[in-house]
């Protein structure tokens, strides 16, 4: 039986991407801000490949200060990644090549591939299983162009951890990786033959890795963490040494002209530390191997104390963190919908609120319209006339000069299921949209043709005696007497 996907808000659209003879194939991302966890979005241009995107788009302004989904913590490996259906194989570092091959040649998408602890073993396992049973027995089927001619319809397959067997496999690989990491860490703890020069002076530390790490923390105020929290220490130090040899700051990662300038910069700016948002370093910390799909920030922020049931929950200390929505046309951010509406109207002449009212757009139509405009602008294409440009700046000049800011194509062009997929996975603008009927909730209903039948409450005493709750309480009392 084909595994069912998680329930979502719109029943008629369950991971089915409809493509009307477009050159763009969009398969599998989070369908809206309400769906969690997000899947990888894979955009493949069938003709030229110039719009190929193999990772979710994300606003850099929003992602700079917040942790993103960690890449799978893996060792450098010479292992090959094998195709699940044919003899094609590529080195581990050419993972994207294999993913493109699976999508274009075999119509298969693997969800959350970043969270697979050992991708080579994962692929070998499923290659064997696909030889035993048909692919639809394991994968959710995504039919494209479902309303078009039969000859233009295609079936894509989604392999994800909704399938219990896939989830168990991912957890088993994660556990195996954790055991390997802990074994490696223990070897480094017991190693008494470690010797290495300090990264910042000529001091030579011998005996154990802790000697060097403690020396740099004590003498140079440079700490990469407690020794017992670090694994693959030699590789970690090699990476840091390589950056310093190439005159690169370890924190801001800027390049300087000579060593003295770099040294002064790191001292004056207090940059003698590593950048915690650089996920290249994740593989050197044991905490990143502990739980599947969790960053060290998430693991560290969890409260391990037992939850105590409190009769009256106190929400007095709860604070809402503002969500910044990004303008459709520039990098401006606003924390409220009114502010972002006002900015787009005053700065760009685009009145989203007016479009919503004129076209009577529902919530999901607004989602599709925003995602459509986002995608066209990302591809430097005018959303009004579909004209393609070499750069985003040229496209914006055209939109303004030709008066296409408020010009939308036919509704059928953008009101398509494929635009349920967020163009940017962290697009807070989608979360601030509201239904077109929200503003009318407080208005009295003028339709007097609908009959309203009042509840008969003439005898409340009889209603209470015959209520279902009262009967349940009586039965509960009888059960207790019988037990006694």
Protein backbone atom coordinates (compact mmCIF):
# COMPACT_ATOMS: atom_id res chain seq x y z
CA UNK A 1 0.00 0.00 0.00
CA UNK A 2 1.28 3.46 -0.87
CA UNK A 3 2.07 5.35 2.36
CA UNK A 4 -0.22 8.24 3.20
CA UNK A 5 1.19 11.74 3.51
CA UNK A 6 0.56 13.84 6.61
CA UNK A 7 -2.85 15.59 6.68
CA UNK A 8 -2.74 19.18 5.45
CA UNK A 9 -5.13 22.11 5.36
CA UNK A 10 -6.33 21.68 1.79
CA UNK A 11 -7.72 18.24 1.07
CA UNK A 12 -7.95 18.49 -2.71
CA UNK A 13 -4.22 19.12 -3.04
CA UNK A 14 -2.02 16.50 -1.40
CA UNK A 15 1.47 16.87 -2.73
CA UNK A 16 0.23 16.94 -6.35
CA UNK A 17 2.09 19.48 -8.44
CA UNK A 18 0.19 20.28 -11.61
CA UNK A 19 2.36 21.41 -14.51
CA UNK A 20 0.76 22.80 -17.64
CA UNK A 21 3.47 22.16 -20.25
CA UNK A 22 5.83 24.53 -18.42
CA UNK A 23 9.60 24.20 -18.58
CA UNK A 24 9.70 24.18 -14.79
CA UNK A 25 9.12 21.10 -12.70
CA UNK A 26 8.49 21.85 -9.03
CA UNK A 27 8.47 18.87 -6.73
CA UNK A 28 8.13 18.70 -2.96
CA UNK A 29 8.55 21.54 -0.57
CA UNK A 30 6.41 22.53 2.35
CA UNK A 31 3.07 23.39 0.76
CA UNK A 32 2.37 26.32 3.04
CA UNK A 33 3.71 27.83 6.27
CA UNK A 34 1.42 25.49 8.23
CA UNK A 35 3.06 22.27 7.02
CA UNK A 36 5.93 20.87 9.07
CA UNK A 37 8.54 19.60 8.64
CA UNK A 38 9.44 21.16 5.29
CA UNK A 39 10.68 18.93 2.51
CA UNK A 40 13.44 19.82 0.10
CA UNK A 41 12.30 21.80 -2.90
CA UNK A 42 13.76 20.73 -6.24
CA UNK A 43 13.26 22.97 -9.23
CA UNK A 44 14.52 21.57 -12.51
CA UNK A 45 14.39 23.43 -15.81
CA UNK A 46 13.73 20.75 -18.41
CA UNK A 47 15.03 22.70 -21.37
CA UNK A 48 18.06 24.80 -20.51
CA UNK A 49 18.70 24.10 -16.84
CA UNK A 50 19.39 27.79 -16.14
CA UNK A 51 16.69 27.97 -13.43
CA UNK A 52 17.87 24.86 -11.62
CA UNK A 53 17.57 25.06 -7.83
CA UNK A 54 18.48 22.05 -5.73
CA UNK A 55 18.05 23.67 -2.32
CA UNK A 56 15.23 25.66 -0.68
CA UNK A 57 15.50 29.38 -1.33
CA UNK A 58 15.87 31.48 1.80
CA UNK A 59 16.03 35.20 2.43
CA UNK A 60 19.66 35.88 3.46
CA UNK A 61 18.63 38.83 5.63
CA UNK A 62 16.44 36.56 7.72
CA UNK A 63 18.76 33.58 7.78
CA UNK A 64 21.94 35.37 8.79
CA UNK A 65 21.24 35.47 12.48
CA UNK A 66 19.18 32.33 12.93
CA UNK A 67 20.15 28.69 12.68
CA UNK A 68 19.10 26.96 9.53
CA UNK A 69 18.52 23.29 9.05
CA UNK A 70 21.87 21.60 9.55
CA UNK A 71 23.47 19.71 6.76
CA UNK A 72 24.02 16.05 7.46
CA UNK A 73 27.09 15.65 9.60
CA UNK A 74 29.26 13.32 7.57
CA UNK A 75 32.89 12.45 7.28
CA UNK A 76 34.78 13.11 4.05
CA UNK A 77 34.38 9.82 2.21
CA UNK A 78 35.42 8.14 -0.99
CA UNK A 79 32.23 6.07 -0.98
CA UNK A 80 30.07 6.07 -4.07
CA UNK A 81 26.41 7.01 -4.21
CA UNK A 82 24.53 4.45 -6.29
CA UNK A 83 21.38 5.02 -8.28
CA UNK A 84 18.37 3.13 -6.95
CA UNK A 85 17.30 1.92 -10.38
CA UNK A 86 20.32 1.65 -12.68
CA UNK A 87 24.12 1.27 -12.67
CA UNK A 88 24.77 5.03 -12.38
CA UNK A 89 27.05 6.01 -9.48
CA UNK A 90 28.81 9.21 -8.41
CA UNK A 91 31.26 10.19 -5.64
CA UNK A 92 29.75 11.38 -2.38
CA UNK A 93 30.80 14.97 -3.03
CA UNK A 94 28.73 14.97 -6.25
CA UNK A 95 25.47 14.28 -4.44
CA UNK A 96 23.53 16.88 -6.42
CA UNK A 97 24.39 15.11 -9.66
CA UNK A 98 22.76 11.91 -8.44
CA UNK A 99 19.70 13.76 -7.12
CA UNK A 100 19.24 15.40 -10.51
CA UNK A 101 19.64 12.01 -12.19
CA UNK A 102 17.02 10.40 -9.91
CA UNK A 103 14.55 13.20 -10.60
CA UNK A 104 14.96 13.52 -14.35
CA UNK A 105 15.56 9.89 -15.28
CA UNK A 106 13.56 7.99 -12.66
CA UNK A 107 11.05 10.59 -11.36
CA UNK A 108 12.09 10.01 -7.75
CA UNK A 109 12.51 12.60 -4.99
CA UNK A 110 14.08 11.79 -1.60
CA UNK A 111 12.73 14.06 1.14
CA UNK A 112 14.92 15.69 3.82
CA UNK A 113 18.07 14.23 2.32
CA UNK A 114 20.18 16.54 4.50
CA UNK A 115 19.07 14.64 7.58
CA UNK A 116 20.20 11.20 6.37
CA UNK A 117 23.23 10.29 8.48
CA UNK A 118 24.79 7.89 5.98
CA UNK A 119 23.52 8.50 2.47
CA UNK A 120 25.55 5.72 0.73
CA UNK A 121 24.12 3.04 3.05
CA UNK A 122 20.66 4.55 2.76
CA UNK A 123 20.74 4.29 -1.05
CA UNK A 124 22.12 0.74 -0.99
CA UNK A 125 19.29 -0.34 1.31
CA UNK A 126 16.54 1.11 -0.87
CA UNK A 127 18.15 -0.17 -4.06
CA UNK A 128 17.73 -3.67 -2.66
CA UNK A 129 14.16 -3.06 -1.53
CA UNK A 130 13.13 -1.67 -4.92
CA UNK A 131 14.39 -4.89 -6.50
CA UNK A 132 12.04 -6.85 -4.24
CA UNK A 133 8.86 -4.77 -4.53
CA UNK A 134 7.43 -2.08 -6.85
CA UNK A 135 8.29 1.52 -6.06
CA UNK A 136 4.65 2.59 -5.39
CA UNK A 137 4.59 0.15 -2.45
CA UNK A 138 6.99 2.47 -0.63
CA UNK A 139 6.62 5.91 -2.20
CA UNK A 140 3.84 8.45 -2.36
CA UNK A 141 2.81 9.05 -5.97
CA UNK A 142 2.65 12.63 -7.25
CA UNK A 143 0.74 12.98 -10.52
CA UNK A 144 1.62 16.05 -12.58
CA UNK A 145 -0.73 17.78 -15.03
CA UNK A 146 -3.57 15.78 -13.53
CA UNK A 147 -6.29 17.69 -15.40
CA UNK A 148 -4.48 17.68 -18.74
CA UNK A 149 -4.28 15.09 -21.49
CA UNK A 150 -3.31 11.61 -20.37
CA UNK A 151 -0.25 11.58 -22.62
CA UNK A 152 1.14 14.64 -20.78
CA UNK A 153 0.62 13.23 -17.28
CA UNK A 154 3.61 11.92 -15.36
CA UNK A 155 3.99 10.11 -12.04
CA UNK A 156 6.69 11.25 -9.61
CA UNK A 157 7.60 9.30 -6.50
CA UNK A 158 8.34 10.73 -3.06
CA UNK A 159 10.44 8.66 -0.66
CA UNK A 160 10.17 10.09 2.85
CA UNK A 161 10.06 9.12 6.52
CA UNK A 162 6.26 9.10 6.54
CA UNK A 163 6.85 5.46 5.63
CA UNK A 164 7.66 3.69 8.94
CA UNK A 165 10.34 1.57 7.28
CA UNK A 166 12.12 4.69 6.01
CA UNK A 167 11.87 6.37 9.42
CA UNK A 168 13.33 3.31 11.16
CA UNK A 169 16.16 3.17 8.62
CA UNK A 170 17.04 6.84 9.15
CA UNK A 171 17.01 6.43 12.93
CA UNK A 172 19.15 3.29 12.70
CA UNK A 173 21.72 5.07 10.53
CA UNK A 174 21.71 7.99 12.96
CA UNK A 175 22.30 5.64 15.90
CA UNK A 176 25.09 3.86 14.04
CA UNK A 177 26.74 7.19 13.22
CA UNK A 178 26.49 8.27 16.87
CA UNK A 179 28.20 5.05 17.99
CA UNK A 180 31.02 5.60 15.50
CA UNK A 181 31.46 9.20 16.63
CA UNK A 182 31.56 8.26 20.32
CA UNK A 183 34.11 5.53 19.58
CA UNK A 184 36.29 8.04 17.71
CA UNK A 185 35.96 10.55 20.52
CA UNK A 186 37.06 7.97 23.08
CA UNK A 187 40.16 7.21 21.02
CA UNK A 188 41.03 10.91 21.00
CA UNK A 189 40.48 11.12 24.75
CA UNK A 190 42.86 8.24 25.35
CA UNK A 191 45.51 9.46 22.88
CA UNK A 192 48.66 10.45 24.76
CA UNK A 193 50.81 11.03 21.67
CA UNK A 194 49.15 14.23 20.46
CA UNK A 195 51.55 17.04 19.55
CA UNK A 196 50.86 20.25 17.65
CA UNK A 197 51.89 23.90 17.50
CA UNK A 198 49.51 26.54 18.78
CA UNK A 199 47.52 28.36 16.10
CA UNK A 200 48.62 31.75 17.44
CA UNK A 201 52.12 31.30 18.83
CA UNK A 202 55.13 28.98 18.70
CA UNK A 203 54.11 26.97 21.78
CA UNK A 204 54.20 23.21 21.12
CA UNK A 205 51.67 21.20 23.07
CA UNK A 206 52.18 17.47 23.58
CA UNK A 207 50.45 14.70 25.49
CA UNK A 208 46.75 15.19 24.82
CA UNK A 209 44.57 17.44 22.68
CA UNK A 210 43.20 19.07 25.85
CA UNK A 211 46.64 20.64 26.45
CA UNK A 212 46.45 22.65 23.22
CA UNK A 213 42.77 23.59 23.54
CA UNK A 214 43.24 24.74 27.13
CA UNK A 215 46.40 26.66 26.18
CA UNK A 216 44.62 28.60 23.41
CA UNK A 217 41.68 29.36 25.69
CA UNK A 218 43.92 30.49 28.56
CA UNK A 219 46.68 32.36 26.72
CA UNK A 220 44.87 33.64 23.61
CA UNK A 221 41.21 33.78 24.71
CA UNK A 222 40.36 31.46 21.85
CA UNK A 223 37.99 28.63 22.75
CA UNK A 224 36.29 26.23 20.40
CA UNK A 225 34.60 24.37 23.27
CA UNK A 226 35.39 21.86 25.96
CA UNK A 227 37.73 19.08 24.77
CA UNK A 228 35.22 16.39 25.72
CA UNK A 229 32.60 17.96 23.42
CA UNK A 230 34.84 17.85 20.35
CA UNK A 231 35.48 15.02 17.91
CA UNK A 232 37.80 14.79 14.88
CA UNK A 233 39.98 17.33 16.64
CA UNK A 234 42.94 17.08 14.24
CA UNK A 235 40.72 17.77 11.23
CA UNK A 236 39.11 20.65 13.07
CA UNK A 237 42.47 22.23 13.85
CA UNK A 238 43.66 21.61 10.28
CA UNK A 239 40.65 23.54 8.97
CA UNK A 240 41.26 26.47 11.32
CA UNK A 241 44.97 26.50 10.45
CA UNK A 242 44.16 26.52 6.75
CA UNK A 243 41.90 29.55 7.18
CA UNK A 244 44.56 31.43 9.15
CA UNK A 245 47.26 30.54 6.63
CA UNK A 246 45.03 32.00 3.94
CA UNK A 247 44.66 35.21 5.97
CA UNK A 248 40.98 34.61 6.73
CA UNK A 249 39.30 35.73 9.95
CA UNK A 250 37.81 32.75 11.77
CA UNK A 251 34.69 34.66 12.83
CA UNK A 252 33.68 37.13 10.09
CA UNK A 253 35.61 35.10 7.47
CA UNK A 254 36.95 38.16 5.68
CA UNK A 255 40.29 37.94 3.85
CA UNK A 256 43.13 40.32 4.83
CA UNK A 257 46.29 41.38 3.04
CA UNK A 258 48.84 40.11 5.60
CA UNK A 259 49.17 38.29 8.92
CA UNK A 260 49.71 41.36 11.05
CA UNK A 261 46.54 43.00 9.74
CA UNK A 262 44.58 39.81 10.36
CA UNK A 263 46.03 39.52 13.88
CA UNK A 264 45.14 43.12 14.75
CA UNK A 265 41.65 42.69 13.33
CA UNK A 266 40.89 39.55 15.34
CA UNK A 267 42.24 41.15 18.51
CA UNK A 268 40.51 44.55 18.19
CA UNK A 269 37.21 43.16 16.97
CA UNK A 270 37.23 40.29 19.49
CA UNK A 271 37.03 37.85 16.59
CA UNK A 272 39.17 35.17 18.21
CA UNK A 273 36.31 32.72 17.97
CA UNK A 274 34.57 30.70 15.32
CA UNK A 275 31.30 31.58 13.64
CA UNK A 276 28.58 29.48 15.30
CA UNK A 277 26.31 29.98 12.27
CA UNK A 278 28.81 28.30 9.95
CA UNK A 279 27.49 24.75 9.79
CA UNK A 280 30.77 23.49 8.33
CA UNK A 281 31.89 23.17 11.94
CA UNK A 282 28.89 21.06 13.00
CA UNK A 283 30.61 17.76 12.32
CA UNK A 284 33.25 18.48 14.96
CA UNK A 285 30.79 18.68 17.88
CA UNK A 286 29.27 15.56 19.42
CA UNK A 287 26.04 17.38 20.27
CA UNK A 288 25.15 17.52 16.57
CA UNK A 289 24.99 13.73 16.39
CA UNK A 290 22.64 13.17 19.30
CA UNK A 291 19.18 13.53 17.76
CA UNK A 292 17.94 13.17 14.21
CA UNK A 293 17.30 16.50 12.50
CA UNK A 294 18.13 18.77 15.46
CA UNK A 295 20.75 21.50 15.55
CA UNK A 296 22.98 22.02 18.57
CA UNK A 297 20.98 25.17 19.34
CA UNK A 298 17.75 23.17 19.53
CA UNK A 299 19.25 20.42 21.66
CA UNK A 300 20.88 22.93 23.99
CA UNK A 301 17.71 24.97 24.42
CA UNK A 302 15.58 21.99 25.43
CA UNK A 303 14.49 21.83 29.06
CA UNK A 304 15.30 18.38 30.41
CA UNK A 305 13.33 18.84 33.62
CA UNK A 306 10.18 16.79 33.97
CA UNK A 307 7.02 18.63 33.03
CA UNK A 308 4.74 19.22 35.98
CA UNK A 309 1.00 19.29 35.40
CA UNK A 310 -0.31 22.61 36.58
CA UNK A 311 -4.03 23.13 36.90
CA UNK A 312 -3.92 26.77 35.85
CA UNK A 313 -1.24 27.53 33.28
CA UNK A 314 0.44 30.89 33.72
CA UNK A 315 1.11 32.63 30.41
CA UNK A 316 2.02 35.98 31.94
CA UNK A 317 5.70 35.70 30.98
CA UNK A 318 5.03 34.65 27.40
CA UNK A 319 6.39 37.06 24.81
CA UNK A 320 5.63 36.95 21.11
CA UNK A 321 8.64 37.35 18.87
CA UNK A 322 7.86 39.58 15.89
CA UNK A 323 8.10 38.00 12.45
CA UNK A 324 9.60 40.16 9.73
CA UNK A 325 7.94 39.97 6.32
CA UNK A 326 10.03 40.84 3.26
CA UNK A 327 8.77 43.08 0.48
CA UNK A 328 7.98 41.42 -2.86
CA UNK A 329 10.23 43.84 -4.75
CA UNK A 330 13.12 44.77 -2.44
CA UNK A 331 14.84 43.75 0.78
CA UNK A 332 12.71 45.92 3.07
CA UNK A 333 11.28 44.11 6.10
CA UNK A 334 8.27 44.96 8.26
CA UNK A 335 6.91 43.32 11.38
CA UNK A 336 3.21 43.82 10.63
CA UNK A 337 1.03 43.27 7.60
CA UNK A 338 -0.13 46.89 7.61
CA UNK A 339 3.47 48.10 7.46
CA UNK A 340 4.45 45.82 4.59
CA UNK A 341 1.25 46.74 2.72
CA UNK A 342 2.02 50.43 3.17
CA UNK A 343 5.65 50.04 2.08
CA UNK A 344 4.80 48.12 -1.11
CA UNK A 345 2.06 50.66 -1.95
CA UNK A 346 4.11 53.80 -1.26
CA UNK A 347 7.50 52.60 -2.55
CA UNK A 348 6.49 50.38 -5.46
CA UNK A 349 2.87 51.25 -6.27
CA UNK A 350 1.75 47.68 -5.55
CA UNK A 351 -1.47 47.44 -3.53
CA UNK A 352 -1.86 43.83 -2.41
CA UNK A 353 -4.79 44.71 -0.17
CA UNK A 354 -6.65 46.31 -3.10
CA UNK A 355 -5.99 43.26 -5.30
CA UNK A 356 -7.32 41.00 -2.57
CA UNK A 357 -10.54 42.99 -2.32
CA UNK A 358 -11.05 43.52 -6.07
CA UNK A 359 -10.44 39.90 -7.01
CA UNK A 360 -12.05 38.57 -3.79
CA UNK A 361 -9.03 36.36 -3.20
CA UNK A 362 -9.24 33.58 -0.66
CA UNK A 363 -6.33 32.83 1.65
CA UNK A 364 -4.92 30.13 -0.61
CA UNK A 365 -5.30 32.29 -3.73
CA UNK A 366 -3.25 34.97 -1.97
CA UNK A 367 -0.63 32.34 -1.14
CA UNK A 368 -0.44 31.28 -4.78
CA UNK A 369 -0.28 34.88 -6.00
CA UNK A 370 2.57 35.78 -3.64
CA UNK A 371 4.52 32.62 -4.53
CA UNK A 372 3.93 33.26 -8.24
CA UNK A 373 5.25 36.84 -8.05
CA UNK A 374 8.19 35.74 -5.88
CA UNK A 375 9.18 33.06 -8.38
CA UNK A 376 8.89 35.33 -11.42
CA UNK A 377 10.99 38.03 -9.76
CA UNK A 378 13.58 35.46 -8.66
CA UNK A 379 13.86 34.32 -12.28
CA UNK A 380 14.07 37.95 -13.53
CA UNK A 381 10.81 37.59 -15.41
CA UNK A 382 8.04 40.19 -15.49
CA UNK A 383 5.05 38.67 -13.73
CA UNK A 384 2.67 40.77 -15.81
CA UNK A 385 3.83 40.10 -19.38
CA UNK A 386 6.19 37.11 -18.83
CA UNK A 387 9.11 38.87 -20.53
CA UNK A 388 12.51 37.48 -19.42
CA UNK A 389 15.46 39.73 -18.53
CA UNK A 390 19.14 39.21 -17.84
CA UNK A 391 19.00 40.65 -14.33
CA UNK A 392 16.52 41.48 -11.63
CA UNK A 393 17.35 45.19 -11.90
CA UNK A 394 16.49 45.23 -15.63
CA UNK A 395 13.26 43.41 -14.91
CA UNK A 396 12.27 45.91 -12.20
CA UNK A 397 13.05 48.85 -14.52
CA UNK A 398 10.77 47.28 -17.13
CA UNK A 399 7.95 46.70 -14.61
CA UNK A 400 8.05 50.34 -13.50
CA UNK A 401 8.52 51.93 -16.93
CA UNK A 402 5.81 49.82 -18.59
CA UNK A 403 3.36 50.23 -15.71
CA UNK A 404 3.18 46.51 -15.02
CA UNK A 405 3.33 46.81 -11.23
CA UNK A 406 -0.40 46.21 -10.79
CA UNK A 407 -0.79 44.20 -13.98
CA UNK A 408 -1.55 40.54 -13.41
CA UNK A 409 -1.86 37.88 -16.11
CA UNK A 410 -4.96 35.75 -16.48
CA UNK A 411 -5.99 34.12 -13.21
CA UNK A 412 -5.38 30.70 -14.71
CA UNK A 413 -1.68 31.58 -15.08
CA UNK A 414 -0.96 32.00 -11.36
CA UNK A 415 -3.92 30.25 -9.70
CA UNK A 416 -2.24 26.87 -10.09
CA UNK A 417 -1.50 24.17 -7.49
CA UNK A 418 2.24 24.44 -8.14
CA UNK A 419 2.22 27.88 -6.49
CA UNK A 420 1.16 26.39 -3.18
CA UNK A 421 4.89 25.71 -2.89
CA UNK A 422 6.67 28.63 -1.16
CA UNK A 423 9.34 30.15 -3.37
CA UNK A 424 11.24 31.07 -0.19
CA UNK A 425 10.94 28.61 2.67
CA UNK A 426 11.16 31.37 5.31
CA UNK A 427 8.68 33.71 3.63
CA UNK A 428 6.95 35.30 6.62
CA UNK A 429 4.70 37.26 4.28
CA UNK A 430 2.71 34.05 3.74
CA UNK A 431 2.07 33.77 7.48
CA UNK A 432 0.61 37.28 7.65
CA UNK A 433 -1.96 36.81 4.92
CA UNK A 434 -5.59 36.75 5.98
CA UNK A 435 -8.79 35.44 4.51
CA UNK A 436 -10.81 37.88 2.41
CA UNK A 437 -13.77 37.35 4.75
CA UNK A 438 -11.86 38.19 7.93
CA UNK A 439 -12.74 41.88 7.68
CA UNK A 440 -16.42 41.06 7.44
CA UNK A 441 -16.65 38.85 10.52
CA UNK A 442 -17.94 41.66 12.71
CA UNK A 443 -20.47 42.95 10.21
CA UNK A 444 -24.13 41.93 10.69
CA UNK A 445 -25.52 39.42 8.27
CA UNK A 446 -28.02 41.03 5.92
CA UNK A 447 -29.33 37.78 4.49
CA UNK A 448 -32.70 37.34 6.21
CA UNK A 449 -33.76 34.37 4.12
CA UNK A 450 -31.83 31.89 6.29
CA UNK A 451 -34.10 30.45 9.00
CA UNK A 452 -32.63 30.28 12.50
CA UNK A 453 -34.01 27.62 14.81
CA UNK A 454 -33.43 28.40 18.48
CA UNK A 455 -32.54 25.70 20.96
CA UNK A 456 -35.37 24.68 23.24
CA UNK A 457 -34.23 25.59 26.76
CA UNK A 458 -37.66 25.79 28.35
CA UNK A 459 -36.87 23.09 30.91
CA UNK A 460 -33.20 23.35 31.87
CA UNK A 461 -33.61 20.98 34.83
CA UNK A 462 -34.75 18.11 32.63
CA UNK A 463 -31.97 18.83 30.14
CA UNK A 464 -29.32 18.65 32.85
CA UNK A 465 -30.72 15.38 34.26
CA UNK A 466 -30.75 13.75 30.82
CA UNK A 467 -27.43 15.15 29.61
CA UNK A 468 -24.72 12.82 28.33
CA UNK A 469 -22.19 14.25 30.81
CA UNK A 470 -24.51 13.60 33.74
CA UNK A 471 -25.04 10.02 32.59
CA UNK A 472 -21.28 9.45 32.27
CA UNK A 473 -20.74 10.71 35.83
CA UNK A 474 -23.43 8.35 37.12
CA UNK A 475 -21.83 5.40 35.31
CA UNK A 476 -18.42 6.34 36.66
CA UNK A 477 -19.83 6.27 40.21
CA UNK A 478 -21.33 2.83 39.59
CA UNK A 479 -17.99 1.49 38.34
CA UNK A 480 -16.23 2.71 41.47
CA UNK A 481 -18.81 1.01 43.74
CA UNK A 482 -18.39 -2.24 41.83
CA UNK A 483 -14.60 -2.04 42.17
CA UNK A 484 -14.93 -1.47 45.88
